[in-house]
Amino acid sequence: MLNFLAALFGPRVKLPRDRVTRISRRARKKAQEHIDTMQKIVDELSGLPGIADVTKTKRLPRGFYDRVDDMLTAYDRYVEAVRAELGVSDAAVPGTPAGKGACYAAPYGVSGPEALAIYREIRTWKDFAQVAQRLGELGEQQFKDIQAGHTGKDPEKIRMTSKAAGLGRKTFAERGEACPFLDQGKGRCRIWDRRPMTCRMHHITGDAELADPRHERHAEVQVVNIRVPVRPQVALSQIDKRMALGLSPFLYASVLQLLQLGEGQLLQELGEAPQRMQQDGRVVQKANRNVKHSKKNLKKKKKKKKRK
């Protein structure tokens, strides 16, 4: 009970992405069209046939990934409209050279549809095995940092709103581990088109160097967080419940959970031609039976030799 009261009323540890930016009524009104579009798309996602059977079929409903992309596009348009109204159109964002410092703090609060779209994107990379290994290492360290401050009996049961979770996330961020999806040489996000909303919402309005959690003045960084509007956010969380994938809200862990669910293969839509994946991310090619060294041609050569 004391731990619960402390978590409820005590000071909370907040990272820059946790800060709440109040969106004015005028800005919401300007962006209402995009809010309505988001809501419509999320409702369509929720209504797709078979959305609740993914864990059994290991297949997504037809049109699922297109709808997720549409949702992200609508959210981007909402963000652009609000940015213009708030006067922060030139703010640095994660995944760009100017805002890459924010890519050293792990995204938190990633929904199931977002994680599925990201997994589909990266599973075909040639360096997927290396990326997956890095995701595993960082995900394990992240949970260790969170569990280190947990005082409950069960180390597996930690409220994500607890002080332990906040301190753990802060400790992990201060390690300065780059996101595995960041091209550190170019300072750009490799999953830019399908990066999670928690990255899309974050805007660095002050000194971008302070966005790096390793910076001694990181707590002073000035940011604006343009979060998903309440109604679409609630509807999106309901989709997570309907799909019952049990995914972690941490991006690194959720992608690996999907890798396990798909047994290393792509999680495709119903009606898509199956594609077998190699460990390095490449699609397994069918054997070419017309080459000289194929079994078919080797057998023909043996038959000719026997006849002679």
Protein backbone atom coordinates (compact mmCIF):
# COMPACT_ATOMS: atom_id res chain seq x y z
CA MET A 1 0.00 0.00 0.00
CA LEU A 2 2.83 2.41 0.88
CA ASN A 3 4.51 1.72 -2.47
CA PHE A 4 1.23 2.39 -4.26
CA LEU A 5 0.72 5.71 -2.44
CA ALA A 6 4.31 6.71 -3.15
CA ALA A 7 3.86 5.98 -6.84
CA LEU A 8 0.55 7.86 -6.91
CA PHE A 9 1.47 11.00 -4.97
CA GLY A 10 5.27 11.01 -4.86
CA PRO A 11 7.53 12.73 -7.38
CA ARG A 12 7.76 10.93 -10.70
CA VAL A 13 10.89 10.47 -12.75
CA LYS A 14 10.22 11.91 -16.19
CA LEU A 15 12.25 11.82 -19.35
CA PRO A 16 11.82 14.59 -21.94
CA ARG A 17 9.38 12.43 -23.94
CA ASP A 18 7.23 12.02 -20.83
CA ARG A 19 6.54 15.72 -20.52
CA VAL A 20 3.01 16.79 -21.33
CA THR A 21 2.56 19.66 -23.79
CA ARG A 22 -0.82 21.32 -23.62
CA ILE A 23 -2.31 21.65 -27.08
CA SER A 24 -4.48 24.75 -27.30
CA ARG A 25 -8.11 24.56 -28.33
CA ARG A 26 -7.30 26.66 -31.38
CA ALA A 27 -4.58 24.22 -32.49
CA ARG A 28 -6.90 21.24 -32.01
CA LYS A 29 -9.58 22.97 -34.02
CA LYS A 30 -7.13 23.64 -36.86
CA ALA A 31 -6.14 19.97 -36.88
CA GLN A 32 -9.61 18.50 -36.33
CA GLU A 33 -9.79 17.14 -39.87
CA HIS A 34 -6.69 15.01 -39.26
CA ILE A 35 -7.95 13.88 -35.84
CA ASP A 36 -11.17 12.65 -37.48
CA THR A 37 -9.19 10.87 -40.19
CA MET A 38 -7.04 9.12 -37.58
CA GLN A 39 -10.10 8.04 -35.65
CA LYS A 40 -11.72 6.66 -38.80
CA ILE A 41 -8.62 4.68 -39.75
CA VAL A 42 -8.16 3.25 -36.25
CA ASP A 43 -11.83 2.22 -36.23
CA GLU A 44 -11.32 0.50 -39.58
CA LEU A 45 -8.27 -1.32 -38.20
CA SER A 46 -10.30 -2.50 -35.23
CA GLY A 47 -13.04 -3.79 -37.53
CA LEU A 48 -10.83 -5.83 -39.85
CA PRO A 49 -12.00 -9.48 -39.91
CA GLY A 50 -9.69 -11.81 -38.02
CA ILE A 51 -7.92 -9.04 -36.09
CA ALA A 52 -8.44 -11.00 -32.86
CA ASP A 53 -7.06 -14.27 -34.28
CA VAL A 54 -3.50 -13.23 -35.11
CA THR A 55 -1.90 -15.29 -32.34
CA LYS A 56 -3.63 -18.41 -33.71
CA THR A 57 -3.34 -17.87 -37.47
CA LYS A 58 -0.08 -15.87 -37.41
CA ARG A 59 -1.59 -13.89 -40.24
CA LEU A 60 -2.85 -10.33 -40.33
CA PRO A 61 -6.14 -9.31 -41.96
CA ARG A 62 -5.93 -8.24 -45.58
CA GLY A 63 -5.12 -4.53 -45.81
CA PHE A 64 -3.76 -4.32 -42.25
CA TYR A 65 -0.35 -2.83 -43.09
CA ASP A 66 -1.80 -0.30 -45.54
CA ARG A 67 -4.16 0.91 -42.83
CA VAL A 68 -1.28 1.26 -40.34
CA ASP A 69 0.64 3.34 -42.89
CA ASP A 70 -2.47 5.48 -43.45
CA MET A 71 -2.78 5.98 -39.70
CA LEU A 72 0.83 7.16 -39.44
CA THR A 73 0.33 9.51 -42.39
CA ALA A 74 -2.77 11.02 -40.77
CA TYR A 75 -0.86 11.46 -37.52
CA ASP A 76 2.00 13.19 -39.35
CA ARG A 77 -0.47 15.62 -40.87
CA TYR A 78 -1.97 16.29 -37.45
CA VAL A 79 1.51 16.94 -36.05
CA GLU A 80 2.36 19.29 -38.92
CA ALA A 81 -0.81 21.30 -38.35
CA VAL A 82 -0.18 21.60 -34.61
CA ARG A 83 3.52 22.43 -35.13
CA ALA A 84 2.56 25.31 -37.39
CA GLU A 85 0.03 26.62 -34.88
CA LEU A 86 2.52 26.35 -32.00
CA GLY A 87 5.27 27.96 -34.04
CA VAL A 88 7.71 25.04 -33.77
CA SER A 89 7.88 24.02 -37.43
CA ASP A 90 11.68 24.28 -37.40
CA ALA A 91 12.16 22.11 -34.28
CA ALA A 92 14.63 19.21 -34.48
CA VAL A 93 13.15 15.71 -34.41
CA PRO A 94 14.55 12.24 -33.58
CA GLY A 95 15.87 10.31 -36.55
CA THR A 96 17.46 13.33 -38.24
CA PRO A 97 21.04 14.61 -37.93
CA ALA A 98 19.81 17.63 -35.95
CA GLY A 99 17.76 15.58 -33.49
CA LYS A 100 19.71 12.31 -33.35
CA GLY A 101 20.59 12.94 -29.68
CA ALA A 102 17.03 11.87 -28.81
CA CYS A 103 17.73 8.49 -30.46
CA TYR A 104 19.85 7.55 -27.44
CA ALA A 105 16.73 7.24 -25.25
CA ALA A 106 14.65 4.16 -26.03
CA PRO A 107 11.11 4.73 -27.39
CA TYR A 108 8.44 3.83 -24.85
CA GLY A 109 4.75 3.30 -25.35
CA VAL A 110 4.72 1.53 -28.74
CA SER A 111 1.41 0.00 -29.83
CA GLY A 112 0.95 -3.45 -31.36
CA PRO A 113 0.11 -2.24 -34.90
CA GLU A 114 3.21 -0.01 -34.88
CA ALA A 115 5.46 -2.86 -33.71
CA LEU A 116 4.03 -5.18 -36.38
CA ALA A 117 4.73 -2.66 -39.13
CA ILE A 118 8.28 -2.12 -37.88
CA TYR A 119 8.94 -5.87 -37.67
CA ARG A 120 7.70 -6.30 -41.24
CA GLU A 121 10.09 -3.54 -42.33
CA ILE A 122 13.26 -4.80 -40.66
CA ARG A 123 12.79 -8.56 -41.11
CA THR A 124 13.93 -8.24 -44.73
CA TRP A 125 17.16 -6.35 -43.92
CA LYS A 126 20.41 -8.10 -44.83
CA ASP A 127 21.82 -7.24 -41.40
CA PHE A 128 18.67 -8.33 -39.57
CA ALA A 129 20.50 -10.96 -37.49
CA GLN A 130 22.90 -8.34 -36.12
CA VAL A 131 20.08 -5.85 -35.47
CA ALA A 132 18.02 -8.53 -33.68
CA GLN A 133 20.98 -9.45 -31.49
CA ARG A 134 21.44 -5.80 -30.53
CA LEU A 135 17.73 -5.45 -29.78
CA GLY A 136 17.99 -8.43 -27.44
CA GLU A 137 21.01 -7.04 -25.62
CA LEU A 138 19.47 -3.61 -25.11
CA GLY A 139 16.06 -4.99 -24.19
CA GLU A 140 17.59 -7.22 -21.51
CA GLN A 141 19.63 -4.35 -20.08
CA GLN A 142 16.57 -2.10 -20.05
CA PHE A 143 14.57 -4.56 -17.96
CA LYS A 144 17.49 -5.13 -15.61
CA ASP A 145 17.70 -1.39 -14.97
CA ILE A 146 13.98 -1.27 -14.21
CA GLN A 147 14.03 -4.37 -12.00
CA ALA A 148 16.97 -2.95 -10.01
CA GLY A 149 14.69 -0.41 -8.34
CA HIS A 150 11.71 -2.74 -7.85
CA THR A 151 10.91 -3.59 -4.22
CA GLY A 152 7.99 -5.94 -4.80
CA LYS A 153 8.02 -9.71 -4.28
CA ASP A 154 7.68 -10.60 -7.97
CA PRO A 155 10.40 -8.98 -10.14
CA GLU A 156 8.31 -9.72 -13.25
CA LYS A 157 5.34 -7.65 -12.05
CA ILE A 158 6.28 -4.00 -12.27
CA ARG A 159 3.84 -1.18 -12.91
CA MET A 160 5.08 0.92 -15.81
CA THR A 161 3.93 4.03 -13.94
CA SER A 162 5.97 3.11 -10.85
CA LYS A 163 9.02 4.96 -9.58
CA ALA A 164 11.15 1.88 -10.33
CA ALA A 165 10.12 1.99 -13.99
CA GLY A 166 10.86 5.70 -14.20
CA LEU A 167 14.28 5.36 -12.57
CA GLY A 168 15.09 2.32 -14.68
CA ARG A 169 14.25 4.09 -17.91
CA LYS A 170 16.34 7.08 -16.81
CA THR A 171 19.32 4.86 -15.92
CA PHE A 172 19.08 3.05 -19.24
CA ALA A 173 18.86 6.33 -21.18
CA GLU A 174 21.95 7.67 -19.42
CA ARG A 175 23.92 4.68 -20.67
CA GLY A 176 23.82 6.41 -24.05
CA GLU A 177 23.04 3.33 -26.13
CA ALA A 178 22.05 4.30 -29.66
CA CYS A 179 18.77 2.96 -31.02
CA PRO A 180 19.55 -0.09 -33.23
CA PHE A 181 17.48 1.55 -35.97
CA LEU A 182 19.72 4.63 -36.06
CA ASP A 183 22.35 4.87 -38.78
CA GLN A 184 24.96 6.48 -36.56
CA GLY A 185 27.17 7.46 -39.48
CA LYS A 186 24.44 9.43 -41.21
CA GLY A 187 22.50 10.33 -38.06
CA ARG A 188 19.27 9.14 -39.68
CA CYS A 189 16.54 6.67 -38.72
CA ARG A 190 16.48 3.53 -40.85
CA ILE A 191 12.76 2.98 -40.24
CA TRP A 192 11.81 6.60 -40.85
CA ASP A 193 8.52 5.91 -42.68
CA ARG A 194 7.42 3.46 -39.97
CA ARG A 195 9.07 4.92 -36.88
CA PRO A 196 6.80 4.82 -33.80
CA MET A 197 4.52 7.66 -32.79
CA THR A 198 6.52 8.26 -29.63
CA CYS A 199 9.34 9.41 -31.94
CA ARG A 200 7.08 11.36 -34.29
CA MET A 201 5.55 13.35 -31.42
CA HIS A 202 8.88 14.55 -29.98
CA HIS A 203 10.21 17.98 -30.99
CA ILE A 204 13.35 19.62 -29.63
CA THR A 205 12.75 23.36 -29.53
CA GLY A 206 15.91 24.39 -27.63
CA ASP A 207 19.55 23.39 -27.86
CA ALA A 208 19.46 20.04 -29.69
CA GLU A 209 22.73 18.93 -28.09
CA LEU A 210 20.95 18.70 -24.74
CA ALA A 211 18.62 16.02 -26.18
CA ASP A 212 21.39 13.45 -25.74
CA PRO A 213 20.71 11.81 -22.33
CA ARG A 214 24.46 11.63 -21.69
CA HIS A 215 24.68 15.43 -21.63
CA GLU A 216 25.13 16.87 -18.13
CA ARG A 217 22.35 19.41 -18.83
CA HIS A 218 19.99 16.91 -20.41
CA ALA A 219 17.24 17.74 -17.89
CA GLU A 220 17.17 21.32 -19.22
CA VAL A 221 16.36 20.38 -22.82
CA GLN A 222 13.32 22.24 -24.16
CA VAL A 223 10.83 20.03 -25.97
CA VAL A 224 7.29 19.94 -27.28
CA ASN A 225 5.45 16.60 -27.33
CA ILE A 226 2.49 16.48 -29.72
CA ARG A 227 0.83 13.30 -28.54
CA VAL A 228 -1.82 11.23 -30.27
CA PRO A 229 -5.25 12.73 -29.47
CA VAL A 230 -7.14 10.96 -26.69
CA ARG A 231 -9.89 9.22 -28.69
CA PRO A 232 -7.61 7.61 -31.32
CA GLN A 233 -5.15 6.68 -28.55
CA VAL A 234 -7.85 4.90 -26.54
CA ALA A 235 -9.10 3.12 -29.67
CA LEU A 236 -5.54 2.03 -30.47
CA SER A 237 -5.08 0.59 -26.98
CA GLN A 238 -8.33 -1.34 -27.44
CA ILE A 239 -6.92 -2.87 -30.63
CA ASP A 240 -3.93 -4.06 -28.60
CA LYS A 241 -6.31 -5.77 -26.20
CA ARG A 242 -8.31 -7.37 -29.02
CA MET A 243 -5.19 -8.73 -30.70
CA ALA A 244 -4.01 -10.18 -27.36
CA LEU A 245 -0.40 -10.34 -28.51
CA GLY A 246 0.84 -9.44 -25.03
CA LEU A 247 3.54 -7.20 -26.47
CA SER A 248 5.86 -5.13 -24.34
CA PRO A 249 5.37 -1.34 -24.54
CA PHE A 250 9.13 -1.14 -25.15
CA LEU A 251 9.97 -1.20 -28.85
CA TYR A 252 13.11 -3.33 -28.58
CA ALA A 253 11.37 -6.11 -26.69
CA SER A 254 8.14 -6.05 -28.73
CA VAL A 255 9.97 -6.58 -32.04
CA LEU A 256 11.70 -9.68 -30.67
CA GLN A 257 8.40 -10.98 -29.32
CA LEU A 258 6.99 -10.76 -32.85
CA LEU A 259 10.06 -12.58 -34.19
CA GLN A 260 9.27 -15.39 -31.75
CA LEU A 261 5.56 -15.37 -32.65
CA GLY A 262 6.36 -15.65 -36.34
CA GLU A 263 9.02 -18.32 -35.66
CA GLY A 264 11.53 -16.20 -37.55
CA GLN A 265 9.28 -15.67 -40.56
CA LEU A 266 7.39 -12.63 -41.81
CA LEU A 267 3.95 -12.04 -40.34
CA GLN A 268 2.02 -11.61 -43.56
CA GLU A 269 -1.54 -10.72 -44.44
CA LEU A 270 -4.14 -13.27 -45.47
CA GLY A 271 -3.89 -13.91 -49.20
CA GLU A 272 -0.22 -12.93 -49.47
CA ALA A 273 2.09 -15.46 -51.05
CA PRO A 274 4.22 -17.03 -48.29
CA GLN A 275 7.85 -15.95 -48.13
CA ARG A 276 10.42 -18.01 -46.30
CA MET A 277 13.14 -15.89 -44.71
CA GLN A 278 16.79 -16.72 -44.14
CA GLN A 279 18.49 -15.71 -40.91
CA ASP A 280 20.28 -12.83 -42.66
CA GLY A 281 16.95 -11.32 -43.68
CA ARG A 282 16.92 -12.40 -47.30
CA VAL A 283 14.00 -14.20 -48.90
CA VAL A 284 14.71 -17.89 -49.53
CA GLN A 285 14.89 -18.32 -53.30
CA LYS A 286 13.46 -21.32 -55.08
CA ALA A 287 16.05 -23.61 -56.58
CA ASN A 288 16.75 -22.91 -60.26
CA ARG A 289 16.37 -26.25 -61.97
CA ASN A 290 17.79 -24.96 -65.27
CA VAL A 291 21.39 -24.38 -64.11
CA LYS A 292 24.07 -26.90 -65.04
CA HIS A 293 24.66 -28.08 -61.48
CA SER A 294 20.97 -28.70 -60.69
CA LYS A 295 19.93 -32.22 -59.68
CA LYS A 296 17.80 -32.49 -62.80
CA ASN A 297 20.71 -31.85 -65.18
CA LEU A 298 23.12 -33.96 -63.14
CA LYS A 299 20.75 -36.93 -63.45
CA LYS A 300 20.58 -36.43 -67.23
CA LYS A 301 24.37 -36.43 -67.45
CA LYS A 302 24.57 -39.69 -65.49
CA LYS A 303 22.02 -41.33 -67.80
CA LYS A 304 23.99 -40.28 -70.91
CA LYS A 305 27.20 -41.71 -69.45
CA LYS A 306 25.51 -45.04 -68.68
CA ARG A 307 24.19 -45.25 -72.29
CA LYS A 308 27.69 -44.72 -73.66
